[in-house]
Amino acid sequence: MNPFSNRAATLSGPATDALPVIPDDSTDLPLVAVGLYVETGGTIVIDTVRGETRTLTVADFSILPLGLRRVHATGTTATGMHALVLA
């Protein structure tokens, strides 16, 4: 049984997929993310859904519950990132 089959995706529920992130200075993620999972911590430079560019420092195995549309290559040192999306 699939508990998601008759359920609408909402921001208050869990993400429905995790997409690998390849940081890029000029290309948005294929879907706007509702969060970001980071395996190896460091600095991340992101564009938020509001269009602001932010530089954040995160620890290993962090979950950042923030809507974002891009992870920049320049300035990003964290690795193993996955965009949490509502697909």
PDB file of N, CA and C in Angstrom:
ATOM      1  N   MET A   1       0.834  -1.174   0.000  1.00  0.00           N
ATOM      2  CA  MET A   1       0.000   0.000   0.000  1.00  0.00           C
ATOM      3  C   MET A   1       0.889   1.250   0.000  1.00  0.00           C
ATOM      4  N   ASN A   2       0.542   2.211  -0.822  1.00  0.00           N
ATOM      5  CA  ASN A   2       1.282   3.461  -0.924  1.00  0.00           C
ATOM      6  C   ASN A   2       0.508   4.548  -0.182  1.00  0.00           C
ATOM      7  N   PRO A   3       1.013   5.023   0.960  1.00  0.00           N
ATOM      8  CA  PRO A   3       0.281   6.041   1.721  1.00  0.00           C
ATOM      9  C   PRO A   3       0.226   7.400   1.024  1.00  0.00           C
ATOM     10  N   PHE A   4       0.984   7.588  -0.046  1.00  0.00           N
ATOM     11  CA  PHE A   4       0.995   8.860  -0.758  1.00  0.00           C
ATOM     12  C   PHE A   4       0.077   8.862  -1.985  1.00  0.00           C
ATOM     13  N   SER A   5      -0.494   7.733  -2.329  1.00  0.00           N
ATOM     14  CA  SER A   5      -1.243   7.634  -3.582  1.00  0.00           C
ATOM     15  C   SER A   5      -2.480   8.536  -3.636  1.00  0.00           C
ATOM     16  N   ASN A   6      -3.157   8.744  -2.538  1.00  0.00           N
ATOM     17  CA  ASN A   6      -4.361   9.588  -2.529  1.00  0.00           C
ATOM     18  C   ASN A   6      -4.182  10.847  -1.702  1.00  0.00           C
ATOM     19  N   ARG A   7      -2.941  11.275  -1.577  1.00  0.00           N
ATOM     20  CA  ARG A   7      -2.636  12.411  -0.712  1.00  0.00           C
ATOM     21  C   ARG A   7      -2.039  13.550  -1.532  1.00  0.00           C
ATOM     22  N   ALA A   8      -2.550  14.743  -1.345  1.00  0.00           N
ATOM     23  CA  ALA A   8      -1.991  15.916  -2.016  1.00  0.00           C
ATOM     24  C   ALA A   8      -0.696  16.328  -1.326  1.00  0.00           C
ATOM     25  N   ALA A   9       0.305  16.685  -2.128  1.00  0.00           N
ATOM     26  CA  ALA A   9       1.574  17.159  -1.573  1.00  0.00           C
ATOM     27  C   ALA A   9       1.368  18.532  -0.952  1.00  0.00           C
ATOM     28  N   THR A  10       1.816  18.697   0.290  1.00  0.00           N
ATOM     29  CA  THR A  10       1.681  19.978   0.974  1.00  0.00           C
ATOM     30  C   THR A  10       3.016  20.357   1.605  1.00  0.00           C
ATOM     31  N   LEU A  11       3.173  21.628   1.894  1.00  0.00           N
ATOM     32  CA  LEU A  11       4.399  22.087   2.544  1.00  0.00           C
ATOM     33  C   LEU A  11       4.510  21.589   3.977  1.00  0.00           C
ATOM     34  N   SER A  12       3.405  21.196   4.588  1.00  0.00           N
ATOM     35  CA  SER A  12       3.453  20.701   5.960  1.00  0.00           C
ATOM     36  C   SER A  12       3.769  19.207   6.022  1.00  0.00           C
ATOM     37  N   GLY A  13       3.756  18.543   4.879  1.00  0.00           N
ATOM     38  CA  GLY A  13       4.054  17.115   4.847  1.00  0.00           C
ATOM     39  C   GLY A  13       5.485  16.857   4.421  1.00  0.00           C
ATOM     40  N   PRO A  14       5.863  15.604   4.313  1.00  0.00           N
ATOM     41  CA  PRO A  14       7.237  15.290   3.911  1.00  0.00           C
ATOM     42  C   PRO A  14       7.462  15.547   2.422  1.00  0.00           C
ATOM     43  N   ALA A  15       8.732  15.740   2.076  1.00  0.00           N
ATOM     44  CA  ALA A  15       9.100  15.821   0.664  1.00  0.00           C
ATOM     45  C   ALA A  15       8.779  14.482   0.017  1.00  0.00           C
ATOM     46  N   THR A  16       8.520  14.492  -1.280  1.00  0.00           N
ATOM     47  CA  THR A  16       8.187  13.244  -1.968  1.00  0.00           C
ATOM     48  C   THR A  16       9.360  12.698  -2.782  1.00  0.00           C
ATOM     49  N   ASP A  17      10.448  13.465  -2.877  1.00  0.00           N
ATOM     50  CA  ASP A  17      11.631  12.975  -3.587  1.00  0.00           C
ATOM     51  C   ASP A  17      12.850  13.775  -3.150  1.00  0.00           C
ATOM     52  N   ALA A  18      14.026  13.218  -3.393  1.00  0.00           N
ATOM     53  CA  ALA A  18      15.301  13.875  -3.109  1.00  0.00           C
ATOM     54  C   ALA A  18      16.135  13.809  -4.378  1.00  0.00           C
ATOM     55  N   LEU A  19      16.392  14.969  -4.965  1.00  0.00           N
ATOM     56  CA  LEU A  19      17.131  15.041  -6.224  1.00  0.00           C
ATOM     57  C   LEU A  19      18.579  15.435  -5.973  1.00  0.00           C
ATOM     58  N   PRO A  20      19.542  14.729  -6.574  1.00  0.00           N
ATOM     59  CA  PRO A  20      20.938  15.125  -6.413  1.00  0.00           C
ATOM     60  C   PRO A  20      21.153  16.540  -6.940  1.00  0.00           C
ATOM     61  N   VAL A  21      21.974  17.296  -6.243  1.00  0.00           N
ATOM     62  CA  VAL A  21      22.252  18.684  -6.621  1.00  0.00           C
ATOM     63  C   VAL A  21      23.674  18.795  -7.148  1.00  0.00           C
ATOM     64  N   ILE A  22      23.805  19.353  -8.338  1.00  0.00           N
ATOM     65  CA  ILE A  22      25.108  19.734  -8.880  1.00  0.00           C
ATOM     66  C   ILE A  22      25.126  21.253  -8.870  1.00  0.00           C
ATOM     67  N   PRO A  23      25.933  21.857  -7.988  1.00  0.00           N
ATOM     68  CA  PRO A  23      25.953  23.317  -7.911  1.00  0.00           C
ATOM     69  C   PRO A  23      26.275  23.951  -9.262  1.00  0.00           C
ATOM     70  N   ASP A  24      25.570  25.034  -9.570  1.00  0.00           N
ATOM     71  CA  ASP A  24      25.713  25.723 -10.855  1.00  0.00           C
ATOM     72  C   ASP A  24      25.388  27.197 -10.641  1.00  0.00           C
ATOM     73  N   ASP A  25      26.235  28.068 -11.156  1.00  0.00           N
ATOM     74  CA  ASP A  25      26.038  29.505 -10.952  1.00  0.00           C
ATOM     75  C   ASP A  25      24.932  30.109 -11.809  1.00  0.00           C
ATOM     76  N   SER A  26      24.521  29.424 -12.865  1.00  0.00           N
ATOM     77  CA  SER A  26      23.562  30.051 -13.777  1.00  0.00           C
ATOM     78  C   SER A  26      22.294  29.249 -14.024  1.00  0.00           C
ATOM     79  N   THR A  27      22.179  28.052 -13.457  1.00  0.00           N
ATOM     80  CA  THR A  27      21.019  27.204 -13.727  1.00  0.00           C
ATOM     81  C   THR A  27      20.282  26.876 -12.437  1.00  0.00           C
ATOM     82  N   ASP A  28      18.967  27.099 -12.446  1.00  0.00           N
ATOM     83  CA  ASP A  28      18.127  26.739 -11.302  1.00  0.00           C
ATOM     84  C   ASP A  28      17.986  25.226 -11.207  1.00  0.00           C
ATOM     85  N   LEU A  29      17.583  24.759 -10.039  1.00  0.00           N
ATOM     86  CA  LEU A  29      17.249  23.351  -9.855  1.00  0.00           C
ATOM     87  C   LEU A  29      16.057  23.009 -10.752  1.00  0.00           C
ATOM     88  N   PRO A  30      15.900  21.744 -11.145  1.00  0.00           N
ATOM     89  CA  PRO A  30      14.772  21.392 -12.009  1.00  0.00           C
ATOM     90  C   PRO A  30      13.410  21.625 -11.347  1.00  0.00           C
ATOM     91  N   LEU A  31      13.354  21.546 -10.025  1.00  0.00           N
ATOM     92  CA  LEU A  31      12.148  21.842  -9.246  1.00  0.00           C
ATOM     93  C   LEU A  31      12.551  22.715  -8.073  1.00  0.00           C
ATOM     94  N   VAL A  32      11.696  23.636  -7.672  1.00  0.00           N
ATOM     95  CA  VAL A  32      11.960  24.415  -6.464  1.00  0.00           C
ATOM     96  C   VAL A  32      11.969  23.450  -5.283  1.00  0.00           C
ATOM     97  N   ALA A  33      12.989  23.549  -4.459  1.00  0.00           N
ATOM     98  CA  ALA A  33      13.136  22.641  -3.322  1.00  0.00           C
ATOM     99  C   ALA A  33      12.479  23.222  -2.079  1.00  0.00           C
ATOM    100  N   VAL A  34      11.931  22.337  -1.245  1.00  0.00           N
ATOM    101  CA  VAL A  34      11.374  22.752   0.037  1.00  0.00           C
ATOM    102  C   VAL A  34      12.405  22.584   1.150  1.00  0.00           C
ATOM    103  N   GLY A  35      13.557  22.046   0.794  1.00  0.00           N
ATOM    104  CA  GLY A  35      14.641  21.854   1.750  1.00  0.00           C
ATOM    105  C   GLY A  35      15.858  21.301   1.041  1.00  0.00           C
ATOM    106  N   LEU A  36      16.947  21.225   1.789  1.00  0.00           N
ATOM    107  CA  LEU A  36      18.206  20.717   1.243  1.00  0.00           C
ATOM    108  C   LEU A  36      18.839  19.806   2.274  1.00  0.00           C
ATOM    109  N   TYR A  37      19.244  18.615   1.839  1.00  0.00           N
ATOM    110  CA  TYR A  37      19.980  17.688   2.685  1.00  0.00           C
ATOM    111  C   TYR A  37      21.428  17.750   2.260  1.00  0.00           C
ATOM    112  N   VAL A  38      22.342  17.899   3.231  1.00  0.00           N
ATOM    113  CA  VAL A  38      23.771  18.026   2.952  1.00  0.00           C
ATOM    114  C   VAL A  38      24.522  16.924   3.695  1.00  0.00           C
ATOM    115  N   GLU A  39      25.248  16.083   2.948  1.00  0.00           N
ATOM    116  CA  GLU A  39      26.003  14.993   3.567  1.00  0.00           C
ATOM    117  C   GLU A  39      27.301  15.477   4.206  1.00  0.00           C
ATOM    118  N   THR A  40      28.075  16.284   3.475  1.00  0.00           N
ATOM    119  CA  THR A  40      29.351  16.788   3.990  1.00  0.00           C
ATOM    120  C   THR A  40      29.248  18.301   4.112  1.00  0.00           C
ATOM    121  N   GLY A  41      29.335  18.778   5.333  1.00  0.00           N
ATOM    122  CA  GLY A  41      29.120  20.186   5.613  1.00  0.00           C
ATOM    123  C   GLY A  41      30.162  21.110   5.018  1.00  0.00           C
ATOM    124  N   GLY A  42      29.854  22.383   5.087  1.00  0.00           N
ATOM    125  CA  GLY A  42      30.708  23.434   4.574  1.00  0.00           C
ATOM    126  C   GLY A  42      29.857  24.645   4.294  1.00  0.00           C
ATOM    127  N   THR A  43      30.288  25.433   3.348  1.00  0.00           N
ATOM    128  CA  THR A  43      29.556  26.623   2.952  1.00  0.00           C
ATOM    129  C   THR A  43      28.666  26.301   1.765  1.00  0.00           C
ATOM    130  N   ILE A  44      27.459  26.855   1.766  1.00  0.00           N
ATOM    131  CA  ILE A  44      26.595  26.763   0.595  1.00  0.00           C
ATOM    132  C   ILE A  44      26.130  28.171   0.229  1.00  0.00           C
ATOM    133  N   VAL A  45      26.096  28.426  -1.055  1.00  0.00           N
ATOM    134  CA  VAL A  45      25.588  29.686  -1.575  1.00  0.00           C
ATOM    135  C   VAL A  45      24.330  29.333  -2.363  1.00  0.00           C
ATOM    136  N   ILE A  46      23.201  29.873  -1.932  1.00  0.00           N
ATOM    137  CA  ILE A  46      21.910  29.508  -2.524  1.00  0.00           C
ATOM    138  C   ILE A  46      21.131  30.743  -2.957  1.00  0.00           C
ATOM    139  N   ASP A  47      20.193  30.520  -3.870  1.00  0.00           N
ATOM    140  CA  ASP A  47      19.164  31.509  -4.186  1.00  0.00           C
ATOM    141  C   ASP A  47      17.872  30.994  -3.590  1.00  0.00           C
ATOM    142  N   THR A  48      17.240  31.804  -2.738  1.00  0.00           N
ATOM    143  CA  THR A  48      15.993  31.410  -2.091  1.00  0.00           C
ATOM    144  C   THR A  48      14.829  31.570  -3.062  1.00  0.00           C
ATOM    145  N   VAL A  49      13.677  31.055  -2.679  1.00  0.00           N
ATOM    146  CA  VAL A  49      12.491  31.221  -3.521  1.00  0.00           C
ATOM    147  C   VAL A  49      12.076  32.686  -3.609  1.00  0.00           C
ATOM    148  N   ARG A  50      12.510  33.508  -2.690  1.00  0.00           N
ATOM    149  CA  ARG A  50      12.225  34.951  -2.734  1.00  0.00           C
ATOM    150  C   ARG A  50      13.186  35.687  -3.653  1.00  0.00           C
ATOM    151  N   GLY A  51      14.204  34.978  -4.184  1.00  0.00           N
ATOM    152  CA  GLY A  51      15.146  35.601  -5.100  1.00  0.00           C
ATOM    153  C   GLY A  51      16.370  36.200  -4.438  1.00  0.00           C
ATOM    154  N   GLU A  52      16.562  35.935  -3.160  1.00  0.00           N
ATOM    155  CA  GLU A  52      17.733  36.439  -2.438  1.00  0.00           C
ATOM    156  C   GLU A  52      18.870  35.428  -2.505  1.00  0.00           C
ATOM    157  N   THR A  53      20.097  35.903  -2.618  1.00  0.00           N
ATOM    158  CA  THR A  53      21.273  35.036  -2.564  1.00  0.00           C
ATOM    159  C   THR A  53      21.797  35.061  -1.142  1.00  0.00           C
ATOM    160  N   ARG A  54      21.970  33.874  -0.573  1.00  0.00           N
ATOM    161  CA  ARG A  54      22.422  33.751   0.812  1.00  0.00           C
ATOM    162  C   ARG A  54      23.616  32.797   0.881  1.00  0.00           C
ATOM    163  N   THR A  55      24.535  33.094   1.785  1.00  0.00           N
ATOM    164  CA  THR A  55      25.669  32.228   2.063  1.00  0.00           C
ATOM    165  C   THR A  55      25.508  31.696   3.480  1.00  0.00           C
ATOM    166  N   LEU A  56      25.478  30.369   3.600  1.00  0.00           N
ATOM    167  CA  LEU A  56      25.246  29.717   4.889  1.00  0.00           C
ATOM    168  C   LEU A  56      26.321  28.669   5.136  1.00  0.00           C
ATOM    169  N   THR A  57      26.598  28.404   6.396  1.00  0.00           N
ATOM    170  CA  THR A  57      27.510  27.338   6.774  1.00  0.00           C
ATOM    171  C   THR A  57      26.692  26.248   7.445  1.00  0.00           C
ATOM    172  N   VAL A  58      26.851  25.018   6.969  1.00  0.00           N
ATOM    173  CA  VAL A  58      26.083  23.896   7.508  1.00  0.00           C
ATOM    174  C   VAL A  58      27.021  22.777   7.942  1.00  0.00           C
ATOM    175  N   ALA A  59      26.564  21.985   8.884  1.00  0.00           N
ATOM    176  CA  ALA A  59      27.330  20.850   9.392  1.00  0.00           C
ATOM    177  C   ALA A  59      27.075  19.607   8.545  1.00  0.00           C
ATOM    178  N   ASP A  60      27.879  18.573   8.765  1.00  0.00           N
ATOM    179  CA  ASP A  60      27.645  17.286   8.116  1.00  0.00           C
ATOM    180  C   ASP A  60      26.230  16.794   8.443  1.00  0.00           C
ATOM    181  N   PHE A  61      25.597  16.159   7.484  1.00  0.00           N
ATOM    182  CA  PHE A  61      24.281  15.539   7.620  1.00  0.00           C
ATOM    183  C   PHE A  61      23.206  16.535   8.059  1.00  0.00           C
ATOM    184  N   SER A  62      23.272  17.740   7.508  1.00  0.00           N
ATOM    185  CA  SER A  62      22.299  18.789   7.830  1.00  0.00           C
ATOM    186  C   SER A  62      21.086  18.715   6.926  1.00  0.00           C
ATOM    187  N   ILE A  63      19.954  19.097   7.485  1.00  0.00           N
ATOM    188  CA  ILE A  63      18.745  19.328   6.701  1.00  0.00           C
ATOM    189  C   ILE A  63      18.400  20.795   6.877  1.00  0.00           C
ATOM    190  N   LEU A  64      18.378  21.504   5.765  1.00  0.00           N
ATOM    191  CA  LEU A  64      18.070  22.929   5.766  1.00  0.00           C
ATOM    192  C   LEU A  64      16.633  23.099   5.286  1.00  0.00           C
ATOM    193  N   PRO A  65      15.702  23.433   6.184  1.00  0.00           N
ATOM    194  CA  PRO A  65      14.283  23.566   5.802  1.00  0.00           C
ATOM    195  C   PRO A  65      13.993  24.953   5.234  1.00  0.00           C
ATOM    196  N   LEU A  66      14.456  25.171   4.015  1.00  0.00           N
ATOM    197  CA  LEU A  66      14.346  26.479   3.387  1.00  0.00           C
ATOM    198  C   LEU A  66      14.039  26.299   1.909  1.00  0.00           C
ATOM    199  N   GLY A  67      13.065  27.037   1.398  1.00  0.00           N
ATOM    200  CA  GLY A  67      12.753  26.970  -0.024  1.00  0.00           C
ATOM    201  C   GLY A  67      13.873  27.587  -0.839  1.00  0.00           C
ATOM    202  N   LEU A  68      14.364  26.854  -1.822  1.00  0.00           N
ATOM    203  CA  LEU A  68      15.457  27.367  -2.640  1.00  0.00           C
ATOM    204  C   LEU A  68      15.309  26.934  -4.083  1.00  0.00           C
ATOM    205  N   ARG A  69      15.895  27.736  -4.959  1.00  0.00           N
ATOM    206  CA  ARG A  69      15.805  27.448  -6.390  1.00  0.00           C
ATOM    207  C   ARG A  69      17.156  27.182  -7.046  1.00  0.00           C
ATOM    208  N   ARG A  70      18.260  27.561  -6.393  1.00  0.00           N
ATOM    209  CA  ARG A  70      19.586  27.348  -6.994  1.00  0.00           C
ATOM    210  C   ARG A  70      20.623  27.168  -5.909  1.00  0.00           C
ATOM    211  N   VAL A  71      21.605  26.293  -6.183  1.00  0.00           N
ATOM    212  CA  VAL A  71      22.806  26.179  -5.360  1.00  0.00           C
ATOM    213  C   VAL A  71      23.964  26.588  -6.271  1.00  0.00           C
ATOM    214  N   HIS A  72      24.649  27.646  -5.893  1.00  0.00           N
ATOM    215  CA  HIS A  72      25.754  28.167  -6.696  1.00  0.00           C
ATOM    216  C   HIS A  72      27.009  27.304  -6.534  1.00  0.00           C
ATOM    217  N   ALA A  73      27.784  27.197  -7.607  1.00  0.00           N
ATOM    218  CA  ALA A  73      29.068  26.506  -7.554  1.00  0.00           C
ATOM    219  C   ALA A  73      30.113  27.380  -6.873  1.00  0.00           C
ATOM    220  N   THR A  74      30.130  28.664  -7.242  1.00  0.00           N
ATOM    221  CA  THR A  74      31.101  29.588  -6.675  1.00  0.00           C
ATOM    222  C   THR A  74      30.791  29.833  -5.207  1.00  0.00           C
ATOM    223  N   GLY A  75      31.737  29.505  -4.351  1.00  0.00           N
ATOM    224  CA  GLY A  75      31.575  29.719  -2.919  1.00  0.00           C
ATOM    225  C   GLY A  75      31.014  28.538  -2.163  1.00  0.00           C
ATOM    226  N   THR A  76      30.494  27.536  -2.863  1.00  0.00           N
ATOM    227  CA  THR A  76      29.936  26.357  -2.196  1.00  0.00           C
ATOM    228  C   THR A  76      31.029  25.311  -2.001  1.00  0.00           C
ATOM    229  N   THR A  77      31.225  24.898  -0.744  1.00  0.00           N
ATOM    230  CA  THR A  77      32.218  23.863  -0.434  1.00  0.00           C
ATOM    231  C   THR A  77      31.562  22.586   0.085  1.00  0.00           C
ATOM    232  N   ALA A  78      30.315  22.670   0.520  1.00  0.00           N
ATOM    233  CA  ALA A  78      29.592  21.483   0.993  1.00  0.00           C
ATOM    234  C   ALA A  78      29.372  20.535  -0.183  1.00  0.00           C
ATOM    235  N   THR A  79      29.284  19.248   0.104  1.00  0.00           N
ATOM    236  CA  THR A  79      29.086  18.247  -0.951  1.00  0.00           C
ATOM    237  C   THR A  79      28.009  17.251  -0.539  1.00  0.00           C
ATOM    238  N   GLY A  80      27.630  16.420  -1.502  1.00  0.00           N
ATOM    239  CA  GLY A  80      26.621  15.405  -1.239  1.00  0.00           C
ATOM    240  C   GLY A  80      25.268  16.016  -0.939  1.00  0.00           C
ATOM    241  N   MET A  81      24.866  16.980  -1.762  1.00  0.00           N
ATOM    242  CA  MET A  81      23.612  17.690  -1.516  1.00  0.00           C
ATOM    243  C   MET A  81      22.466  17.078  -2.308  1.00  0.00           C
ATOM    244  N   HIS A  82      21.288  17.111  -1.693  1.00  0.00           N
ATOM    245  CA  HIS A  82      20.076  16.596  -2.312  1.00  0.00           C
ATOM    246  C   HIS A  82      18.946  17.583  -2.054  1.00  0.00           C
ATOM    247  N   ALA A  83      18.276  18.010  -3.128  1.00  0.00           N
ATOM    248  CA  ALA A  83      17.134  18.908  -3.009  1.00  0.00           C
ATOM    249  C   ALA A  83      15.903  18.099  -2.611  1.00  0.00           C
ATOM    250  N   LEU A  84      15.246  18.494  -1.550  1.00  0.00           N
ATOM    251  CA  LEU A  84      14.010  17.839  -1.110  1.00  0.00           C
ATOM    252  C   LEU A  84      12.857  18.543  -1.807  1.00  0.00           C
ATOM    253  N   VAL A  85      12.098  17.788  -2.593  1.00  0.00           N
ATOM    254  CA  VAL A  85      11.079  18.388  -3.461  1.00  0.00           C
ATOM    255  C   VAL A  85       9.723  17.722  -3.274  1.00  0.00           C
ATOM    256  N   LEU A  86       8.697  18.438  -3.715  1.00  0.00           N
ATOM    257  CA  LEU A  86       7.347  17.907  -3.792  1.00  0.00           C
ATOM    258  C   LEU A  86       7.078  17.641  -5.275  1.00  0.00           C
ATOM    259  N   ALA A  87       7.280  16.434  -5.691  1.00  0.00           N
ATOM    260  CA  ALA A  87       7.144  16.096  -7.118  1.00  0.00           C
ATOM    261  C   ALA A  87       5.769  15.552  -7.428  1.00  0.00           C
TER     262      ALA A  87
END
